[in-house]
PDB file of N, CA and C in Angstrom:
ATOM      1  N   MET A   1      30.189  97.847  -9.784  1.00  0.00           N
ATOM      2  CA  MET A   1      28.808  98.220  -9.993  1.00  0.00           C
ATOM      3  C   MET A   1      28.085  98.443  -8.665  1.00  0.00           C
ATOM      4  N   MET A   2      28.436  97.629  -7.673  1.00  0.00           N
ATOM      5  CA  MET A   2      27.782  97.792  -6.374  1.00  0.00           C
ATOM      6  C   MET A   2      28.122  99.132  -5.732  1.00  0.00           C
ATOM      7  N   ARG A   3      29.350  99.581  -5.908  1.00  0.00           N
ATOM      8  CA  ARG A   3      29.732 100.879  -5.340  1.00  0.00           C
ATOM      9  C   ARG A   3      28.971 102.017  -5.999  1.00  0.00           C
ATOM     10  N   THR A   4      28.683 101.870  -7.273  1.00  0.00           N
ATOM     11  CA  THR A   4      27.997 102.927  -8.014  1.00  0.00           C
ATOM     12  C   THR A   4      26.481 102.869  -7.846  1.00  0.00           C
ATOM     13  N   PHE A   5      25.913 101.662  -7.936  1.00  0.00           N
ATOM     14  CA  PHE A   5      24.457 101.520  -7.982  1.00  0.00           C
ATOM     15  C   PHE A   5      23.838 100.890  -6.737  1.00  0.00           C
ATOM     16  N   GLY A   6      24.662 100.445  -5.808  1.00  0.00           N
ATOM     17  CA  GLY A   6      24.142  99.737  -4.639  1.00  0.00           C
ATOM     18  C   GLY A   6      24.207  98.236  -4.859  1.00  0.00           C
ATOM     19  N   VAL A   7      23.995  97.490  -3.807  1.00  0.00           N
ATOM     20  CA  VAL A   7      24.177  96.036  -3.862  1.00  0.00           C
ATOM     21  C   VAL A   7      23.186  95.369  -4.807  1.00  0.00           C
ATOM     22  N   VAL A   8      21.902  95.603  -4.616  1.00  0.00           N
ATOM     23  CA  VAL A   8      20.881  94.911  -5.416  1.00  0.00           C
ATOM     24  C   VAL A   8      21.020  95.254  -6.896  1.00  0.00           C
ATOM     25  N   ALA A   9      21.067  96.519  -7.216  1.00  0.00           N
ATOM     26  CA  ALA A   9      21.178  96.936  -8.622  1.00  0.00           C
ATOM     27  C   ALA A   9      22.521  96.502  -9.205  1.00  0.00           C
ATOM     28  N   GLY A  10      23.580  96.574  -8.409  1.00  0.00           N
ATOM     29  CA  GLY A  10      24.899  96.167  -8.894  1.00  0.00           C
ATOM     30  C   GLY A  10      24.955  94.701  -9.260  1.00  0.00           C
ATOM     31  N   ILE A  11      24.389  93.867  -8.404  1.00  0.00           N
ATOM     32  CA  ILE A  11      24.374  92.425  -8.699  1.00  0.00           C
ATOM     33  C   ILE A  11      23.492  92.145  -9.909  1.00  0.00           C
ATOM     34  N   ALA A  12      22.336  92.791  -9.978  1.00  0.00           N
ATOM     35  CA  ALA A  12      21.433  92.595 -11.124  1.00  0.00           C
ATOM     36  C   ALA A  12      22.086  93.051 -12.426  1.00  0.00           C
ATOM     37  N   LEU A  13      22.746  94.197 -12.402  1.00  0.00           N
ATOM     38  CA  LEU A  13      23.397  94.691 -13.623  1.00  0.00           C
ATOM     39  C   LEU A  13      24.587  93.828 -14.027  1.00  0.00           C
ATOM     40  N   ALA A  14      25.297  93.283 -13.055  1.00  0.00           N
ATOM     41  CA  ALA A  14      26.412  92.390 -13.373  1.00  0.00           C
ATOM     42  C   ALA A  14      25.913  91.042 -13.886  1.00  0.00           C
ATOM     43  N   SER A  15      24.688  90.678 -13.546  1.00  0.00           N
ATOM     44  CA  SER A  15      24.122  89.404 -13.991  1.00  0.00           C
ATOM     45  C   SER A  15      23.707  89.444 -15.461  1.00  0.00           C
ATOM     46  N   LEU A  16      23.410  90.620 -15.972  1.00  0.00           N
ATOM     47  CA  LEU A  16      22.981  90.725 -17.372  1.00  0.00           C
ATOM     48  C   LEU A  16      24.036  90.238 -18.358  1.00  0.00           C
ATOM     49  N   PRO A  17      25.303  90.675 -18.263  1.00  0.00           N
ATOM     50  CA  PRO A  17      26.306  90.152 -19.203  1.00  0.00           C
ATOM     51  C   PRO A  17      26.497  88.637 -19.070  1.00  0.00           C
ATOM     52  N   PHE A  18      26.336  88.123 -17.861  1.00  0.00           N
ATOM     53  CA  PHE A  18      26.434  86.679 -17.657  1.00  0.00           C
ATOM     54  C   PHE A  18      25.361  85.963 -18.482  1.00  0.00           C
ATOM     55  N   CYS A  19      24.146  86.471 -18.435  1.00  0.00           N
ATOM     56  CA  CYS A  19      23.053  85.890 -19.222  1.00  0.00           C
ATOM     57  C   CYS A  19      23.316  86.024 -20.719  1.00  0.00           C
ATOM     58  N   LEU A  20      23.775  87.186 -21.123  1.00  0.00           N
ATOM     59  CA  LEU A  20      24.041  87.413 -22.543  1.00  0.00           C
ATOM     60  C   LEU A  20      25.154  86.504 -23.056  1.00  0.00           C
ATOM     61  N   ALA A  21      26.148  86.260 -22.219  1.00  0.00           N
ATOM     62  CA  ALA A  21      27.254  85.388 -22.629  1.00  0.00           C
ATOM     63  C   ALA A  21      26.795  83.937 -22.778  1.00  0.00           C
ATOM     64  N   HIS A  22      25.827  83.520 -21.972  1.00  0.00           N
ATOM     65  CA  HIS A  22      25.357  82.133 -22.002  1.00  0.00           C
ATOM     66  C   HIS A  22      24.099  81.938 -22.854  1.00  0.00           C
ATOM     67  N   GLY A  23      23.470  83.024 -23.279  1.00  0.00           N
ATOM     68  CA  GLY A  23      22.227  82.946 -24.051  1.00  0.00           C
ATOM     69  C   GLY A  23      22.282  82.080 -25.297  1.00  0.00           C
ATOM     70  N   PRO A  24      23.291  82.256 -26.155  1.00  0.00           N
ATOM     71  CA  PRO A  24      23.334  81.433 -27.373  1.00  0.00           C
ATOM     72  C   PRO A  24      23.410  79.933 -27.091  1.00  0.00           C
ATOM     73  N   GLN A  25      24.019  79.575 -25.989  1.00  0.00           N
ATOM     74  CA  GLN A  25      24.144  78.167 -25.607  1.00  0.00           C
ATOM     75  C   GLN A  25      22.761  77.521 -25.425  1.00  0.00           C
ATOM     76  N   TYR A  26      21.776  78.318 -25.038  1.00  0.00           N
ATOM     77  CA  TYR A  26      20.424  77.823 -24.791  1.00  0.00           C
ATOM     78  C   TYR A  26      19.421  78.349 -25.802  1.00  0.00           C
ATOM     79  N   SER A  27      19.887  78.767 -26.954  1.00  0.00           N
ATOM     80  CA  SER A  27      19.041  79.273 -28.047  1.00  0.00           C
ATOM     81  C   SER A  27      18.115  80.384 -27.575  1.00  0.00           C
ATOM     82  N   TRP A  28      18.575  81.174 -26.640  1.00  0.00           N
ATOM     83  CA  TRP A  28      17.851  82.333 -26.129  1.00  0.00           C
ATOM     84  C   TRP A  28      16.481  81.979 -25.543  1.00  0.00           C
ATOM     85  N   SER A  29      16.347  80.771 -25.025  1.00  0.00           N
ATOM     86  CA  SER A  29      15.114  80.366 -24.357  1.00  0.00           C
ATOM     87  C   SER A  29      14.919  81.232 -23.108  1.00  0.00           C
ATOM     88  N   TRP A  30      13.776  81.878 -23.002  1.00  0.00           N
ATOM     89  CA  TRP A  30      13.557  82.798 -21.883  1.00  0.00           C
ATOM     90  C   TRP A  30      13.623  82.083 -20.544  1.00  0.00           C
ATOM     91  N   ARG A  31      13.206  80.816 -20.500  1.00  0.00           N
ATOM     92  CA  ARG A  31      13.272  80.061 -19.243  1.00  0.00           C
ATOM     93  C   ARG A  31      14.720  79.853 -18.802  1.00  0.00           C
ATOM     94  N   HIS A  32      15.559  79.515 -19.760  1.00  0.00           N
ATOM     95  CA  HIS A  32      16.970  79.316 -19.441  1.00  0.00           C
ATOM     96  C   HIS A  32      17.640  80.643 -19.077  1.00  0.00           C
ATOM     97  N   ILE A  33      17.283  81.687 -19.797  1.00  0.00           N
ATOM     98  CA  ILE A  33      17.854  83.004 -19.500  1.00  0.00           C
ATOM     99  C   ILE A  33      17.455  83.436 -18.088  1.00  0.00           C
ATOM    100  N   LEU A  34      16.202  83.203 -17.716  1.00  0.00           N
ATOM    101  CA  LEU A  34      15.746  83.537 -16.366  1.00  0.00           C
ATOM    102  C   LEU A  34      16.502  82.718 -15.318  1.00  0.00           C
ATOM    103  N   LEU A  35      16.658  81.428 -15.574  1.00  0.00           N
ATOM    104  CA  LEU A  35      17.409  80.573 -14.655  1.00  0.00           C
ATOM    105  C   LEU A  35      18.855  81.053 -14.532  1.00  0.00           C
ATOM    106  N   LEU A  36      19.459  81.405 -15.652  1.00  0.00           N
ATOM    107  CA  LEU A  36      20.828  81.923 -15.634  1.00  0.00           C
ATOM    108  C   LEU A  36      20.925  83.226 -14.853  1.00  0.00           C
ATOM    109  N   PHE A  37      19.930  84.080 -15.024  1.00  0.00           N
ATOM    110  CA  PHE A  37      19.925  85.344 -14.293  1.00  0.00           C
ATOM    111  C   PHE A  37      19.844  85.082 -12.790  1.00  0.00           C
ATOM    112  N   LEU A  38      18.930  84.214 -12.390  1.00  0.00           N
ATOM    113  CA  LEU A  38      18.777  83.905 -10.968  1.00  0.00           C
ATOM    114  C   LEU A  38      20.034  83.258 -10.399  1.00  0.00           C
ATOM    115  N   ALA A  39      20.627  82.344 -11.167  1.00  0.00           N
ATOM    116  CA  ALA A  39      21.870  81.712 -10.720  1.00  0.00           C
ATOM    117  C   ALA A  39      22.965  82.762 -10.573  1.00  0.00           C
ATOM    118  N   SER A  40      23.047  83.668 -11.524  1.00  0.00           N
ATOM    119  CA  SER A  40      24.058  84.718 -11.466  1.00  0.00           C
ATOM    120  C   SER A  40      23.844  85.636 -10.266  1.00  0.00           C
ATOM    121  N   VAL A  41      22.597  85.899  -9.935  1.00  0.00           N
ATOM    122  CA  VAL A  41      22.299  86.694  -8.737  1.00  0.00           C
ATOM    123  C   VAL A  41      22.805  85.969  -7.495  1.00  0.00           C
ATOM    124  N   VAL A  42      22.610  84.661  -7.454  1.00  0.00           N
ATOM    125  CA  VAL A  42      23.123  83.876  -6.319  1.00  0.00           C
ATOM    126  C   VAL A  42      24.647  83.954  -6.282  1.00  0.00           C
ATOM    127  N   PHE A  43      25.301  83.788  -7.419  1.00  0.00           N
ATOM    128  CA  PHE A  43      26.765  83.863  -7.455  1.00  0.00           C
ATOM    129  C   PHE A  43      27.245  85.233  -6.969  1.00  0.00           C
ATOM    130  N   GLY A  44      26.585  86.276  -7.439  1.00  0.00           N
ATOM    131  CA  GLY A  44      26.951  87.625  -7.022  1.00  0.00           C
ATOM    132  C   GLY A  44      26.698  87.868  -5.541  1.00  0.00           C
ATOM    133  N   THR A  45      25.607  87.318  -5.038  1.00  0.00           N
ATOM    134  CA  THR A  45      25.288  87.464  -3.618  1.00  0.00           C
ATOM    135  C   THR A  45      26.319  86.748  -2.756  1.00  0.00           C
ATOM    136  N   VAL A  46      26.714  85.552  -3.185  1.00  0.00           N
ATOM    137  CA  VAL A  46      27.754  84.822  -2.451  1.00  0.00           C
ATOM    138  C   VAL A  46      29.052  85.617  -2.463  1.00  0.00           C
ATOM    139  N   ARG A  47      29.392  86.190  -3.598  1.00  0.00           N
ATOM    140  CA  ARG A  47      30.609  87.004  -3.695  1.00  0.00           C
ATOM    141  C   ARG A  47      30.538  88.198  -2.750  1.00  0.00           C
ATOM    142  N   TRP A  48      29.395  88.856  -2.707  1.00  0.00           N
ATOM    143  CA  TRP A  48      29.224  90.026  -1.855  1.00  0.00           C
ATOM    144  C   TRP A  48      29.241  89.645  -0.371  1.00  0.00           C
ATOM    145  N   ARG A  49      28.514  88.576  -0.008  1.00  0.00           N
ATOM    146  CA  ARG A  49      28.406  88.202   1.405  1.00  0.00           C
ATOM    147  C   ARG A  49      29.712  87.659   1.979  1.00  0.00           C
ATOM    148  N   THR A  50      30.469  86.915   1.156  1.00  0.00           N
ATOM    149  CA  THR A  50      31.703  86.289   1.652  1.00  0.00           C
ATOM    150  C   THR A  50      32.936  87.120   1.338  1.00  0.00           C
ATOM    151  N   ASN A  51      32.780  88.094   0.434  1.00  0.00           N
ATOM    152  CA  ASN A  51      33.919  88.875  -0.049  1.00  0.00           C
ATOM    153  C   ASN A  51      34.992  87.970  -0.654  1.00  0.00           C
ATOM    154  N   SER A  52      34.536  86.891  -1.299  1.00  0.00           N
ATOM    155  CA  SER A  52      35.455  85.898  -1.839  1.00  0.00           C
ATOM    156  C   SER A  52      35.008  85.450  -3.231  1.00  0.00           C
ATOM    157  N   THR A  53      35.869  85.654  -4.188  1.00  0.00           N
ATOM    158  CA  THR A  53      35.596  85.132  -5.528  1.00  0.00           C
ATOM    159  C   THR A  53      35.666  83.610  -5.535  1.00  0.00           C
ATOM    160  N   ALA A  54      36.523  83.048  -4.694  1.00  0.00           N
ATOM    161  CA  ALA A  54      36.650  81.590  -4.620  1.00  0.00           C
ATOM    162  C   ALA A  54      35.329  80.949  -4.189  1.00  0.00           C
ATOM    163  N   ALA A  55      34.649  81.548  -3.214  1.00  0.00           N
ATOM    164  CA  ALA A  55      33.368  81.007  -2.755  1.00  0.00           C
ATOM    165  C   ALA A  55      32.336  81.041  -3.877  1.00  0.00           C
ATOM    166  N   SER A  56      32.288  82.149  -4.595  1.00  0.00           N
ATOM    167  CA  SER A  56      31.360  82.272  -5.711  1.00  0.00           C
ATOM    168  C   SER A  56      31.693  81.268  -6.820  1.00  0.00           C
ATOM    169  N   THR A  57      32.969  81.083  -7.065  1.00  0.00           N
ATOM    170  CA  THR A  57      33.399  80.109  -8.076  1.00  0.00           C
ATOM    171  C   THR A  57      33.011  78.694  -7.664  1.00  0.00           C
ATOM    172  N   LEU A  58      33.128  78.379  -6.399  1.00  0.00           N
ATOM    173  CA  LEU A  58      32.736  77.062  -5.893  1.00  0.00           C
ATOM    174  C   LEU A  58      31.233  76.840  -6.059  1.00  0.00           C
ATOM    175  N   VAL A  59      30.435  77.859  -5.779  1.00  0.00           N
ATOM    176  CA  VAL A  59      28.989  77.749  -5.985  1.00  0.00           C
ATOM    177  C   VAL A  59      28.682  77.547  -7.467  1.00  0.00           C
ATOM    178  N   HIS A  60      29.366  78.272  -8.322  1.00  0.00           N
ATOM    179  CA  HIS A  60      29.171  78.131  -9.775  1.00  0.00           C
ATOM    180  C   HIS A  60      29.549  76.722 -10.222  1.00  0.00           C
ATOM    181  N   ALA A  61      30.661  76.209  -9.738  1.00  0.00           N
ATOM    182  CA  ALA A  61      31.097  74.861 -10.107  1.00  0.00           C
ATOM    183  C   ALA A  61      30.095  73.810  -9.629  1.00  0.00           C
ATOM    184  N   THR A  62      29.559  73.993  -8.439  1.00  0.00           N
ATOM    185  CA  THR A  62      28.557  73.065  -7.914  1.00  0.00           C
ATOM    186  C   THR A  62      27.287  73.120  -8.749  1.00  0.00           C
ATOM    187  N   TYR A  63      26.897  74.311  -9.148  1.00  0.00           N
ATOM    188  CA  TYR A  63      25.730  74.499 -10.028  1.00  0.00           C
ATOM    189  C   TYR A  63      25.939  73.731 -11.341  1.00  0.00           C
ATOM    190  N   ASN A  64      27.104  73.919 -11.953  1.00  0.00           N
ATOM    191  CA  ASN A  64      27.404  73.219 -13.204  1.00  0.00           C
ATOM    192  C   ASN A  64      27.446  71.709 -12.996  1.00  0.00           C
ATOM    193  N   LEU A  65      28.042  71.263 -11.891  1.00  0.00           N
ATOM    194  CA  LEU A  65      28.132  69.835 -11.606  1.00  0.00           C
ATOM    195  C   LEU A  65      26.752  69.213 -11.449  1.00  0.00           C
ATOM    196  N   THR A  66      25.836  69.942 -10.839  1.00  0.00           N
ATOM    197  CA  THR A  66      24.469  69.438 -10.672  1.00  0.00           C
ATOM    198  C   THR A  66      23.831  69.142 -12.025  1.00  0.00           C
ATOM    199  N   PHE A  67      23.976  70.061 -12.955  1.00  0.00           N
ATOM    200  CA  PHE A  67      23.413  69.837 -14.288  1.00  0.00           C
ATOM    201  C   PHE A  67      24.143  68.716 -15.025  1.00  0.00           C
ATOM    202  N   PHE A  68      25.445  68.601 -14.833  1.00  0.00           N
ATOM    203  CA  PHE A  68      26.206  67.554 -15.488  1.00  0.00           C
ATOM    204  C   PHE A  68      25.784  66.174 -14.976  1.00  0.00           C
ATOM    205  N   VAL A  69      25.611  66.044 -13.679  1.00  0.00           N
ATOM    206  CA  VAL A  69      25.162  64.774 -13.105  1.00  0.00           C
ATOM    207  C   VAL A  69      23.757  64.439 -13.615  1.00  0.00           C
ATOM    208  N   GLY A  70      22.890  65.450 -13.666  1.00  0.00           N
ATOM    209  CA  GLY A  70      21.554  65.232 -14.220  1.00  0.00           C
ATOM    210  C   GLY A  70      21.609  64.759 -15.663  1.00  0.00           C
ATOM    211  N   PHE A  71      22.491  65.333 -16.447  1.00  0.00           N
ATOM    212  CA  PHE A  71      22.678  64.908 -17.835  1.00  0.00           C
ATOM    213  C   PHE A  71      23.123  63.455 -17.903  1.00  0.00           C
ATOM    214  N   LEU A  72      24.093  63.092 -17.068  1.00  0.00           N
ATOM    215  CA  LEU A  72      24.581  61.713 -17.069  1.00  0.00           C
ATOM    216  C   LEU A  72      23.494  60.734 -16.648  1.00  0.00           C
ATOM    217  N   LEU A  73      22.721  61.076 -15.644  1.00  0.00           N
ATOM    218  CA  LEU A  73      21.645  60.196 -15.191  1.00  0.00           C
ATOM    219  C   LEU A  73      20.562  60.061 -16.254  1.00  0.00           C
ATOM    220  N   GLN A  74      20.255  61.146 -16.926  1.00  0.00           N
ATOM    221  CA  GLN A  74      19.268  61.105 -18.003  1.00  0.00           C
ATOM    222  C   GLN A  74      19.756  60.213 -19.133  1.00  0.00           C
ATOM    223  N   ARG A  75      21.005  60.360 -19.486  1.00  0.00           N
ATOM    224  CA  ARG A  75      21.595  59.556 -20.561  1.00  0.00           C
ATOM    225  C   ARG A  75      21.598  58.085 -20.169  1.00  0.00           C
ATOM    226  N   ARG A  76      21.897  57.815 -18.926  1.00  0.00           N
ATOM    227  CA  ARG A  76      21.921  56.433 -18.428  1.00  0.00           C
ATOM    228  C   ARG A  76      20.533  55.793 -18.554  1.00  0.00           C
ATOM    229  N   GLU A  77      19.495  56.547 -18.232  1.00  0.00           N
ATOM    230  CA  GLU A  77      18.125  56.033 -18.339  1.00  0.00           C
ATOM    231  C   GLU A  77      17.753  55.766 -19.794  1.00  0.00           C
ATOM    232  N   LEU A  78      18.248  56.578 -20.713  1.00  0.00           N
ATOM    233  CA  LEU A  78      17.953  56.381 -22.120  1.00  0.00           C
ATOM    234  C   LEU A  78      18.614  55.120 -22.672  1.00  0.00           C
ATOM    235  N   LEU A  79      19.769  54.764 -22.115  1.00  0.00           N
ATOM    236  CA  LEU A  79      20.497  53.602 -22.596  1.00  0.00           C
ATOM    237  C   LEU A  79      19.902  52.283 -22.076  1.00  0.00           C
ATOM    238  N   ASN A  80      19.180  52.364 -20.987  1.00  0.00           N
ATOM    239  CA  ASN A  80      18.588  51.133 -20.414  1.00  0.00           C
ATOM    240  C   ASN A  80      17.270  50.802 -21.019  1.00  0.00           C
TER     241      ASN A  80
END
């Protein structure tokens, strides 16, 4: 997409399917969709800047881990 539309448009257009794939998980909440879009833009930017899918995957994994840790901490507070 970047070769056809340029870097900015290519990353933005590639981020749309990412949002659509994750949308049902968040009941199509516009706030979550926006967050997913922005996160996907970051993943795409990392991929473009480093020329490495591994780097982008590591950023994605760290993003997911952050939410998972937050979930665990929230659950821990509810149990106390």
